[in-house]
Amino acid sequence: MRNIVAAVAYSLLTVAAVPASASTIVFQNDFSSGLSDQESVTGRFFASDGYVGHHGAYYTNSEISSYSINSINELHGAVLNFDLDYRGESGYDFLTILKDGVQVSRWSGFIGPVTINLGGVGSGSKITFRFTSDGSVVNTGVKIDNVRIVADSVSAVPEPATWMLMLGGFGMVGATMRYRRRSIAVVTA
């Protein structure tokens, strides 16, 4: 009977201790005001007219251009969202997303909203959008807009449900110790 009561109590405490999940926007830019100090561009990418990427006519032959978000703080459950208008030579020109120099995703032409799960991001990390073209120019290139990084909120203070689970666990340990003392006392007497 005591085992059943303990199992039910443990189940109730476990269900009550499910943490609430909340997400926080940790980075956001719609490029209406250009770049922040945390961002940089290289090659033929520019930030103006409400987006970052190629401006004016076509991209160039054998081009390498990039847009980077630098010095990102440590994040848990990070997700990258952005709008992409990428018109290039399919199979030859690529837009690659890199997290600290490691490829996360790659396109050869796409138009629409994009969501990429970055997972954990270490302190001081860098997210890079790198465009590379071959020797042939066939279209207008890349336009990136509404870049946003969202991450799970991590609180330094435990939630009330966590406290409840911890106190319930201490109570169960205390009850078990008390029950064992009685059993030992009866056997030795």
N, C-alpha and C. Protein backbone atom coordinates (compact mmCIF):
# COMPACT_ATOMS: atom_id res chain seq x y z
N MET A 1 0.83 -1.20 0.00
CA MET A 1 0.00 0.00 0.00
C MET A 1 0.87 1.26 0.00
N ARG A 2 1.94 1.22 0.82
CA ARG A 2 2.82 2.38 0.88
C ARG A 2 3.51 2.62 -0.46
N ASN A 3 3.85 1.55 -1.16
CA ASN A 3 4.49 1.69 -2.47
C ASN A 3 3.55 2.37 -3.46
N ILE A 4 2.27 2.05 -3.40
CA ILE A 4 1.29 2.66 -4.30
C ILE A 4 1.16 4.15 -3.99
N VAL A 5 1.06 4.48 -2.71
CA VAL A 5 0.94 5.89 -2.30
C VAL A 5 2.20 6.66 -2.74
N ALA A 6 3.36 6.07 -2.55
CA ALA A 6 4.61 6.72 -2.94
C ALA A 6 4.67 6.93 -4.46
N ALA A 7 4.24 5.93 -5.22
CA ALA A 7 4.26 6.04 -6.67
C ALA A 7 3.31 7.14 -7.15
N VAL A 8 2.12 7.22 -6.56
CA VAL A 8 1.15 8.25 -6.94
C VAL A 8 1.70 9.63 -6.58
N ALA A 9 2.28 9.77 -5.39
CA ALA A 9 2.83 11.06 -4.97
C ALA A 9 3.96 11.49 -5.89
N TYR A 10 4.83 10.56 -6.25
CA TYR A 10 5.93 10.86 -7.16
C TYR A 10 5.41 11.28 -8.53
N SER A 11 4.39 10.59 -9.03
CA SER A 11 3.81 10.92 -10.34
C SER A 11 3.22 12.32 -10.33
N LEU A 12 2.51 12.68 -9.25
CA LEU A 12 1.91 14.01 -9.16
C LEU A 12 2.98 15.09 -9.10
N LEU A 13 4.05 14.84 -8.34
CA LEU A 13 5.12 15.81 -8.24
C LEU A 13 5.84 15.97 -9.58
N THR A 14 6.03 14.90 -10.29
CA THR A 14 6.71 14.96 -11.59
C THR A 14 5.89 15.75 -12.59
N VAL A 15 4.59 15.51 -12.63
CA VAL A 15 3.72 16.24 -13.56
C VAL A 15 3.69 17.72 -13.19
N ALA A 16 3.67 18.04 -11.91
CA ALA A 16 3.63 19.42 -11.46
C ALA A 16 4.93 20.15 -11.74
N ALA A 17 6.02 19.43 -11.92
CA ALA A 17 7.32 20.06 -12.09
C ALA A 17 7.71 20.28 -13.54
N VAL A 18 6.80 20.12 -14.48
CA VAL A 18 7.12 20.38 -15.88
C VAL A 18 7.33 21.88 -16.04
N PRO A 19 8.52 22.30 -16.48
CA PRO A 19 8.80 23.73 -16.56
C PRO A 19 8.05 24.40 -17.71
N ALA A 20 7.74 25.65 -17.49
CA ALA A 20 7.11 26.43 -18.55
C ALA A 20 8.19 26.82 -19.56
N SER A 21 7.87 26.74 -20.83
CA SER A 21 8.86 27.12 -21.82
C SER A 21 8.51 28.50 -22.35
N ALA A 22 9.51 29.34 -22.42
CA ALA A 22 9.33 30.68 -22.94
C ALA A 22 10.49 30.99 -23.87
N SER A 23 10.21 31.74 -24.91
CA SER A 23 11.25 32.11 -25.85
C SER A 23 11.46 33.62 -25.80
N THR A 24 12.70 34.01 -26.04
CA THR A 24 13.07 35.41 -26.00
C THR A 24 13.78 35.77 -27.30
N ILE A 25 13.44 36.91 -27.86
CA ILE A 25 14.16 37.40 -29.04
C ILE A 25 15.49 37.96 -28.54
N VAL A 26 16.60 37.36 -28.97
CA VAL A 26 17.92 37.81 -28.51
C VAL A 26 18.64 38.65 -29.56
N PHE A 27 18.16 38.60 -30.81
CA PHE A 27 18.73 39.44 -31.86
C PHE A 27 17.65 39.67 -32.92
N GLN A 28 17.59 40.91 -33.42
CA GLN A 28 16.60 41.21 -34.46
C GLN A 28 17.06 42.42 -35.27
N ASN A 29 16.93 42.33 -36.60
CA ASN A 29 17.24 43.47 -37.46
C ASN A 29 16.41 43.38 -38.74
N ASP A 30 15.72 44.48 -39.06
CA ASP A 30 14.99 44.55 -40.33
C ASP A 30 15.73 45.44 -41.33
N PHE A 31 16.92 45.89 -40.96
CA PHE A 31 17.84 46.65 -41.80
C PHE A 31 17.31 48.01 -42.23
N SER A 32 16.25 48.49 -41.61
CA SER A 32 15.75 49.82 -41.94
C SER A 32 16.72 50.91 -41.48
N SER A 33 17.55 50.59 -40.47
CA SER A 33 18.55 51.54 -39.97
C SER A 33 19.97 51.06 -40.26
N GLY A 34 20.14 50.15 -41.19
CA GLY A 34 21.47 49.65 -41.52
C GLY A 34 21.89 48.53 -40.58
N LEU A 35 23.19 48.45 -40.29
CA LEU A 35 23.75 47.40 -39.44
C LEU A 35 24.04 47.91 -38.04
N SER A 36 23.96 47.02 -37.07
CA SER A 36 24.37 47.35 -35.70
C SER A 36 25.87 47.10 -35.57
N ASP A 37 26.44 47.43 -34.40
CA ASP A 37 27.86 47.18 -34.14
C ASP A 37 28.17 45.69 -34.11
N GLN A 38 27.15 44.87 -33.91
CA GLN A 38 27.31 43.42 -33.80
C GLN A 38 27.34 42.73 -35.17
N GLU A 39 27.08 43.47 -36.24
CA GLU A 39 26.96 42.89 -37.58
C GLU A 39 28.06 43.42 -38.51
N SER A 40 28.35 42.62 -39.55
CA SER A 40 29.32 43.05 -40.56
C SER A 40 28.99 42.44 -41.91
N VAL A 41 29.45 43.07 -42.98
CA VAL A 41 29.28 42.56 -44.34
C VAL A 41 30.64 42.57 -45.03
N THR A 42 30.81 41.66 -46.00
CA THR A 42 32.03 41.62 -46.81
C THR A 42 31.63 41.45 -48.27
N GLY A 43 32.59 41.67 -49.16
CA GLY A 43 32.33 41.48 -50.59
C GLY A 43 31.36 42.53 -51.12
N ARG A 44 30.39 42.08 -51.90
CA ARG A 44 29.43 42.98 -52.54
C ARG A 44 28.10 43.08 -51.79
N PHE A 45 28.05 42.63 -50.54
CA PHE A 45 26.84 42.77 -49.74
C PHE A 45 26.83 44.16 -49.10
N PHE A 46 25.64 44.78 -49.08
CA PHE A 46 25.43 46.06 -48.43
C PHE A 46 24.11 46.01 -47.66
N ALA A 47 24.00 46.84 -46.65
CA ALA A 47 22.75 46.93 -45.88
C ALA A 47 22.13 48.29 -46.15
N SER A 48 21.03 48.29 -46.90
CA SER A 48 20.27 49.51 -47.16
C SER A 48 18.93 49.12 -47.78
N ASP A 49 18.06 50.06 -47.91
CA ASP A 49 16.73 49.84 -48.50
C ASP A 49 15.94 48.77 -47.75
N GLY A 50 16.23 48.56 -46.47
CA GLY A 50 15.47 47.61 -45.67
C GLY A 50 15.88 46.16 -45.82
N TYR A 51 17.05 45.88 -46.38
CA TYR A 51 17.55 44.51 -46.44
C TYR A 51 19.07 44.51 -46.57
N VAL A 52 19.67 43.33 -46.41
CA VAL A 52 21.11 43.18 -46.60
C VAL A 52 21.32 42.21 -47.76
N GLY A 53 22.35 42.44 -48.56
CA GLY A 53 22.63 41.56 -49.70
C GLY A 53 23.06 42.35 -50.90
N HIS A 54 22.74 41.85 -52.09
CA HIS A 54 23.09 42.51 -53.34
C HIS A 54 22.14 43.67 -53.61
N HIS A 55 22.70 44.77 -54.05
CA HIS A 55 21.90 45.95 -54.39
C HIS A 55 22.21 46.34 -55.82
N GLY A 56 21.21 46.79 -56.52
CA GLY A 56 21.43 47.21 -57.89
C GLY A 56 21.27 46.06 -58.86
N ALA A 57 22.25 45.89 -59.74
CA ALA A 57 22.15 44.90 -60.81
C ALA A 57 22.51 43.49 -60.32
N TYR A 58 23.10 42.73 -61.16
CA TYR A 58 23.42 41.33 -60.90
C TYR A 58 24.65 41.20 -60.01
N TYR A 59 24.83 40.01 -59.43
CA TYR A 59 26.05 39.73 -58.68
C TYR A 59 27.18 39.51 -59.68
N THR A 60 28.40 39.30 -59.20
CA THR A 60 29.55 39.20 -60.11
C THR A 60 30.04 37.76 -60.23
N ASN A 61 30.87 37.52 -61.23
CA ASN A 61 31.49 36.21 -61.43
C ASN A 61 32.44 35.88 -60.26
N SER A 62 32.46 34.63 -59.87
CA SER A 62 33.37 34.14 -58.82
C SER A 62 33.34 35.01 -57.57
N GLU A 63 32.16 35.39 -57.17
CA GLU A 63 31.98 36.27 -56.01
C GLU A 63 31.89 35.48 -54.71
N ILE A 64 32.45 36.07 -53.64
CA ILE A 64 32.24 35.56 -52.28
C ILE A 64 31.87 36.78 -51.44
N SER A 65 30.64 36.82 -50.96
CA SER A 65 30.16 37.91 -50.12
C SER A 65 29.51 37.31 -48.88
N SER A 66 29.48 38.08 -47.79
CA SER A 66 28.87 37.53 -46.57
C SER A 66 28.27 38.61 -45.69
N TYR A 67 27.36 38.18 -44.85
CA TYR A 67 26.76 38.99 -43.79
C TYR A 67 26.91 38.17 -42.51
N SER A 68 27.43 38.78 -41.44
CA SER A 68 27.68 38.05 -40.20
C SER A 68 27.06 38.76 -39.00
N ILE A 69 26.59 37.94 -38.06
CA ILE A 69 26.16 38.40 -36.75
C ILE A 69 27.24 37.91 -35.79
N ASN A 70 27.96 38.84 -35.17
CA ASN A 70 29.14 38.51 -34.37
C ASN A 70 28.86 38.56 -32.87
N SER A 71 29.68 37.88 -32.11
CA SER A 71 29.67 37.93 -30.64
C SER A 71 28.30 37.66 -30.03
N ILE A 72 27.70 36.55 -30.41
CA ILE A 72 26.41 36.17 -29.85
C ILE A 72 26.65 35.55 -28.48
N ASN A 73 25.84 35.92 -27.50
CA ASN A 73 25.96 35.34 -26.16
C ASN A 73 25.51 33.89 -26.17
N GLU A 74 25.86 33.16 -25.13
CA GLU A 74 25.48 31.74 -25.04
C GLU A 74 23.96 31.60 -25.04
N LEU A 75 23.46 30.69 -25.88
CA LEU A 75 22.02 30.50 -26.04
C LEU A 75 21.68 29.02 -25.97
N HIS A 76 20.48 28.72 -25.51
CA HIS A 76 19.97 27.36 -25.49
C HIS A 76 18.73 27.31 -26.37
N GLY A 77 18.63 26.30 -27.23
CA GLY A 77 17.46 26.15 -28.09
C GLY A 77 17.29 27.31 -29.05
N ALA A 78 18.38 27.78 -29.65
CA ALA A 78 18.33 28.94 -30.54
C ALA A 78 17.73 28.57 -31.90
N VAL A 79 16.91 29.49 -32.42
CA VAL A 79 16.28 29.33 -33.73
C VAL A 79 16.53 30.62 -34.52
N LEU A 80 16.99 30.47 -35.76
CA LEU A 80 17.25 31.60 -36.66
C LEU A 80 16.09 31.71 -37.65
N ASN A 81 15.49 32.89 -37.74
CA ASN A 81 14.40 33.16 -38.69
C ASN A 81 14.81 34.33 -39.58
N PHE A 82 14.50 34.25 -40.86
CA PHE A 82 14.75 35.37 -41.75
C PHE A 82 13.95 35.19 -43.04
N ASP A 83 13.78 36.29 -43.77
CA ASP A 83 13.13 36.26 -45.08
C ASP A 83 14.23 36.26 -46.12
N LEU A 84 14.09 35.40 -47.12
CA LEU A 84 15.13 35.24 -48.13
C LEU A 84 14.55 35.38 -49.53
N ASP A 85 15.19 36.22 -50.33
CA ASP A 85 14.89 36.34 -51.75
C ASP A 85 16.21 36.05 -52.46
N TYR A 86 16.40 34.81 -52.86
CA TYR A 86 17.68 34.38 -53.44
C TYR A 86 17.45 33.88 -54.85
N ARG A 87 17.98 34.61 -55.80
CA ARG A 87 17.85 34.25 -57.21
C ARG A 87 19.25 34.11 -57.78
N GLY A 88 19.65 32.86 -57.98
CA GLY A 88 20.98 32.58 -58.51
C GLY A 88 20.92 31.43 -59.48
N GLU A 89 22.09 30.99 -59.93
CA GLU A 89 22.18 29.88 -60.86
C GLU A 89 22.07 28.58 -60.08
N SER A 90 20.96 27.90 -60.23
CA SER A 90 20.69 26.69 -59.45
C SER A 90 21.77 25.64 -59.64
N GLY A 91 22.30 25.15 -58.53
CA GLY A 91 23.32 24.12 -58.57
C GLY A 91 24.74 24.64 -58.70
N TYR A 92 24.90 25.96 -58.92
CA TYR A 92 26.25 26.52 -59.09
C TYR A 92 26.54 27.67 -58.13
N ASP A 93 25.52 28.43 -57.76
CA ASP A 93 25.67 29.53 -56.82
C ASP A 93 24.98 29.11 -55.53
N PHE A 94 25.61 29.42 -54.38
CA PHE A 94 25.08 28.92 -53.12
C PHE A 94 25.06 30.00 -52.05
N LEU A 95 24.05 29.96 -51.21
CA LEU A 95 24.00 30.73 -49.97
C LEU A 95 24.13 29.70 -48.86
N THR A 96 25.18 29.83 -48.06
CA THR A 96 25.45 28.87 -46.99
C THR A 96 25.34 29.59 -45.65
N ILE A 97 24.64 28.98 -44.69
CA ILE A 97 24.55 29.51 -43.33
C ILE A 97 25.56 28.74 -42.49
N LEU A 98 26.44 29.48 -41.80
CA LEU A 98 27.49 28.88 -40.98
C LEU A 98 27.32 29.31 -39.52
N LYS A 99 27.52 28.39 -38.61
CA LYS A 99 27.55 28.70 -37.18
C LYS A 99 28.98 28.40 -36.72
N ASP A 100 29.73 29.43 -36.38
CA ASP A 100 31.13 29.30 -35.99
C ASP A 100 31.93 28.54 -37.04
N GLY A 101 31.69 28.85 -38.32
CA GLY A 101 32.45 28.27 -39.41
C GLY A 101 31.98 26.89 -39.88
N VAL A 102 30.97 26.33 -39.23
CA VAL A 102 30.45 25.00 -39.60
C VAL A 102 29.11 25.18 -40.32
N GLN A 103 28.97 24.53 -41.47
CA GLN A 103 27.75 24.66 -42.27
C GLN A 103 26.53 24.13 -41.52
N VAL A 104 25.48 24.96 -41.48
CA VAL A 104 24.22 24.59 -40.86
C VAL A 104 23.16 24.32 -41.94
N SER A 105 23.20 25.12 -43.01
CA SER A 105 22.22 25.00 -44.08
C SER A 105 22.79 25.60 -45.36
N ARG A 106 22.23 25.18 -46.52
CA ARG A 106 22.74 25.65 -47.81
C ARG A 106 21.62 25.68 -48.84
N TRP A 107 21.56 26.76 -49.65
CA TRP A 107 20.55 26.89 -50.69
C TRP A 107 21.20 27.20 -52.02
N SER A 108 20.49 26.85 -53.08
CA SER A 108 20.87 27.23 -54.43
C SER A 108 19.64 27.84 -55.10
N GLY A 109 19.07 28.84 -54.45
CA GLY A 109 17.88 29.52 -54.95
C GLY A 109 16.68 29.23 -54.06
N PHE A 110 16.05 30.30 -53.53
CA PHE A 110 14.88 30.13 -52.67
C PHE A 110 14.27 31.51 -52.43
N ILE A 111 12.94 31.55 -52.35
CA ILE A 111 12.24 32.79 -52.01
C ILE A 111 11.21 32.45 -50.95
N GLY A 112 11.29 33.13 -49.78
CA GLY A 112 10.30 32.93 -48.73
C GLY A 112 10.91 32.99 -47.34
N PRO A 113 10.09 32.74 -46.31
CA PRO A 113 10.59 32.75 -44.94
C PRO A 113 11.39 31.47 -44.65
N VAL A 114 12.43 31.61 -43.84
CA VAL A 114 13.30 30.48 -43.50
C VAL A 114 13.40 30.38 -41.98
N THR A 115 13.35 29.15 -41.47
CA THR A 115 13.57 28.88 -40.05
C THR A 115 14.62 27.79 -39.94
N ILE A 116 15.68 28.05 -39.16
CA ILE A 116 16.77 27.09 -38.97
C ILE A 116 16.98 26.89 -37.48
N ASN A 117 16.96 25.64 -37.04
CA ASN A 117 17.23 25.32 -35.65
C ASN A 117 18.73 25.30 -35.43
N LEU A 118 19.24 26.24 -34.63
CA LEU A 118 20.67 26.32 -34.35
C LEU A 118 21.07 25.49 -33.13
N GLY A 119 20.10 25.10 -32.31
CA GLY A 119 20.41 24.36 -31.09
C GLY A 119 21.14 25.25 -30.10
N GLY A 120 22.15 24.71 -29.45
CA GLY A 120 22.94 25.49 -28.50
C GLY A 120 23.96 26.35 -29.24
N VAL A 121 24.15 27.56 -28.75
CA VAL A 121 25.12 28.47 -29.33
C VAL A 121 26.04 28.91 -28.20
N GLY A 122 27.35 28.71 -28.40
CA GLY A 122 28.32 29.07 -27.37
C GLY A 122 28.55 30.58 -27.29
N SER A 123 29.08 31.01 -26.17
CA SER A 123 29.36 32.42 -25.97
C SER A 123 30.40 32.90 -26.98
N GLY A 124 30.16 34.06 -27.58
CA GLY A 124 31.08 34.61 -28.57
C GLY A 124 30.91 34.01 -29.95
N SER A 125 29.83 33.30 -30.19
CA SER A 125 29.61 32.64 -31.48
C SER A 125 29.32 33.63 -32.60
N LYS A 126 29.43 33.11 -33.82
CA LYS A 126 29.22 33.94 -35.01
C LYS A 126 28.34 33.17 -36.00
N ILE A 127 27.30 33.83 -36.51
CA ILE A 127 26.42 33.27 -37.54
C ILE A 127 26.74 34.02 -38.84
N THR A 128 27.05 33.28 -39.90
CA THR A 128 27.43 33.89 -41.17
C THR A 128 26.55 33.40 -42.30
N PHE A 129 26.09 34.33 -43.13
CA PHE A 129 25.37 34.04 -44.37
C PHE A 129 26.40 34.28 -45.48
N ARG A 130 26.89 33.22 -46.12
CA ARG A 130 27.94 33.36 -47.13
C ARG A 130 27.43 32.99 -48.52
N PHE A 131 27.58 33.93 -49.46
CA PHE A 131 27.18 33.71 -50.85
C PHE A 131 28.42 33.45 -51.69
N THR A 132 28.38 32.40 -52.51
CA THR A 132 29.46 32.12 -53.45
C THR A 132 28.87 31.87 -54.83
N SER A 133 29.53 32.42 -55.86
CA SER A 133 29.06 32.19 -57.23
C SER A 133 30.19 31.59 -58.06
N ASP A 134 29.80 30.96 -59.16
CA ASP A 134 30.79 30.43 -60.09
C ASP A 134 31.09 31.50 -61.14
N GLY A 135 31.56 31.10 -62.29
CA GLY A 135 31.96 32.05 -63.32
C GLY A 135 30.84 32.62 -64.15
N SER A 136 29.60 32.24 -63.89
CA SER A 136 28.49 32.70 -64.71
C SER A 136 27.47 33.46 -63.87
N VAL A 137 27.02 34.60 -64.37
CA VAL A 137 26.03 35.41 -63.68
C VAL A 137 24.70 35.26 -64.40
N VAL A 138 23.66 34.83 -63.68
CA VAL A 138 22.36 34.64 -64.33
C VAL A 138 21.21 35.37 -63.67
N ASN A 139 21.43 36.00 -62.50
CA ASN A 139 20.30 36.62 -61.83
C ASN A 139 20.76 37.71 -60.87
N THR A 140 19.84 38.17 -60.00
CA THR A 140 20.08 39.34 -59.16
C THR A 140 20.73 39.04 -57.82
N GLY A 141 20.86 37.78 -57.42
CA GLY A 141 21.57 37.46 -56.19
C GLY A 141 20.69 37.32 -54.96
N VAL A 142 21.19 37.83 -53.82
CA VAL A 142 20.61 37.55 -52.51
C VAL A 142 20.09 38.82 -51.85
N LYS A 143 18.90 38.71 -51.24
CA LYS A 143 18.36 39.75 -50.37
C LYS A 143 17.88 39.05 -49.10
N ILE A 144 18.40 39.49 -47.96
CA ILE A 144 18.05 38.91 -46.66
C ILE A 144 17.40 40.00 -45.83
N ASP A 145 16.27 39.68 -45.19
CA ASP A 145 15.55 40.68 -44.42
C ASP A 145 14.95 40.03 -43.16
N ASN A 146 14.59 40.87 -42.20
CA ASN A 146 13.91 40.45 -40.98
C ASN A 146 14.63 39.30 -40.27
N VAL A 147 15.92 39.47 -40.03
CA VAL A 147 16.71 38.44 -39.35
C VAL A 147 16.38 38.50 -37.86
N ARG A 148 16.13 37.32 -37.30
CA ARG A 148 15.78 37.24 -35.88
C ARG A 148 16.32 35.94 -35.30
N ILE A 149 16.92 36.02 -34.12
CA ILE A 149 17.34 34.82 -33.39
C ILE A 149 16.52 34.77 -32.11
N VAL A 150 15.84 33.66 -31.93
CA VAL A 150 14.99 33.43 -30.77
C VAL A 150 15.59 32.27 -29.99
N ALA A 151 15.62 32.37 -28.65
CA ALA A 151 16.18 31.30 -27.84
C ALA A 151 15.30 31.05 -26.63
N ASP A 152 15.43 29.84 -26.07
CA ASP A 152 14.71 29.50 -24.85
C ASP A 152 15.24 30.36 -23.71
N SER A 153 14.33 30.83 -22.88
CA SER A 153 14.73 31.59 -21.71
C SER A 153 15.24 30.63 -20.65
N VAL A 154 16.37 30.96 -20.07
CA VAL A 154 16.93 30.17 -18.99
C VAL A 154 16.97 31.05 -17.76
N SER A 155 16.22 30.65 -16.74
CA SER A 155 16.13 31.44 -15.52
C SER A 155 17.09 30.92 -14.47
N ALA A 156 17.73 31.84 -13.74
CA ALA A 156 18.64 31.45 -12.66
C ALA A 156 17.86 31.06 -11.41
N VAL A 157 16.59 31.45 -11.33
CA VAL A 157 15.76 31.14 -10.17
C VAL A 157 14.82 29.98 -10.54
N PRO A 158 14.84 28.91 -9.75
CA PRO A 158 13.95 27.78 -10.07
C PRO A 158 12.48 28.19 -10.03
N GLU A 159 11.68 27.56 -10.87
CA GLU A 159 10.26 27.81 -10.89
C GLU A 159 9.60 27.17 -9.67
N PRO A 160 8.41 27.63 -9.29
CA PRO A 160 7.73 27.03 -8.13
C PRO A 160 7.52 25.52 -8.26
N ALA A 161 7.26 25.04 -9.45
CA ALA A 161 7.07 23.60 -9.64
C ALA A 161 8.36 22.84 -9.35
N THR A 162 9.51 23.45 -9.66
CA THR A 162 10.80 22.80 -9.37
C THR A 162 11.01 22.74 -7.86
N TRP A 163 10.67 23.82 -7.17
CA TRP A 163 10.77 23.80 -5.70
C TRP A 163 9.86 22.71 -5.12
N MET A 164 8.66 22.59 -5.66
CA MET A 164 7.72 21.59 -5.18
C MET A 164 8.28 20.18 -5.36
N LEU A 165 8.87 19.91 -6.50
CA LEU A 165 9.46 18.60 -6.75
C LEU A 165 10.62 18.34 -5.79
N MET A 166 11.45 19.35 -5.58
CA MET A 166 12.59 19.18 -4.68
C MET A 166 12.12 18.93 -3.25
N LEU A 167 11.16 19.70 -2.76
CA LEU A 167 10.66 19.51 -1.39
C LEU A 167 9.96 18.15 -1.24
N GLY A 168 9.22 17.77 -2.27
CA GLY A 168 8.58 16.45 -2.24
C GLY A 168 9.62 15.33 -2.18
N GLY A 169 10.70 15.48 -2.90
CA GLY A 169 11.79 14.49 -2.88
C GLY A 169 12.42 14.41 -1.51
N PHE A 170 12.69 15.57 -0.88
CA PHE A 170 13.24 15.55 0.48
C PHE A 170 12.28 14.87 1.45
N GLY A 171 10.98 15.14 1.29
CA GLY A 171 9.98 14.50 2.16
C GLY A 171 9.98 12.99 2.00
N MET A 172 10.09 12.53 0.75
CA MET A 172 10.11 11.08 0.51
C MET A 172 11.37 10.44 1.09
N VAL A 173 12.50 11.11 0.96
CA VAL A 173 13.74 10.57 1.55
C VAL A 173 13.61 10.51 3.06
N GLY A 174 13.06 11.55 3.67
CA GLY A 174 12.87 11.56 5.12
C GLY A 174 11.93 10.45 5.57
N ALA A 175 10.83 10.27 4.83
CA ALA A 175 9.87 9.22 5.19
C ALA A 175 10.51 7.84 5.04
N THR A 176 11.30 7.64 4.01
CA THR A 176 11.98 6.36 3.80
C THR A 176 12.96 6.08 4.93
N MET A 177 13.72 7.10 5.32
CA MET A 177 14.67 6.91 6.42
C MET A 177 13.95 6.59 7.73
N ARG A 178 12.86 7.25 7.98
CA ARG A 178 12.10 7.00 9.20
C ARG A 178 11.52 5.58 9.19
N TYR A 179 10.99 5.15 8.05
CA TYR A 179 10.42 3.81 7.92
C TYR A 179 11.50 2.76 8.13
N ARG A 180 12.68 2.97 7.56
CA ARG A 180 13.77 2.00 7.72
C ARG A 180 14.23 1.89 9.17
N ARG A 181 14.29 3.01 9.89
CA ARG A 181 14.69 2.96 11.31
C ARG A 181 13.72 2.10 12.12
N ARG A 182 12.44 2.26 11.84
CA ARG A 182 11.44 1.44 12.56
C ARG A 182 11.63 -0.03 12.24
N SER A 183 11.84 -0.36 10.97
CA SER A 183 12.00 -1.76 10.56
C SER A 183 13.22 -2.37 11.21
N ILE A 184 14.32 -1.63 11.24
CA ILE A 184 15.54 -2.14 11.87
C ILE A 184 15.36 -2.32 13.37
N ALA A 185 14.68 -1.38 14.02
CA ALA A 185 14.44 -1.45 15.46
C ALA A 185 13.59 -2.68 15.80
N VAL A 186 12.59 -2.99 15.00
CA VAL A 186 11.73 -4.14 15.27
C VAL A 186 12.49 -5.45 15.09
N VAL A 187 13.34 -5.55 14.09
CA VAL A 187 14.07 -6.77 13.81
C VAL A 187 15.11 -7.04 14.90
N THR A 188 15.78 -6.02 15.38
CA THR A 188 16.84 -6.22 16.38
C THR A 188 16.28 -6.40 17.79
N ALA A 189 15.07 -6.05 18.08
CA ALA A 189 14.52 -6.15 19.43
C ALA A 189 14.14 -7.54 19.83
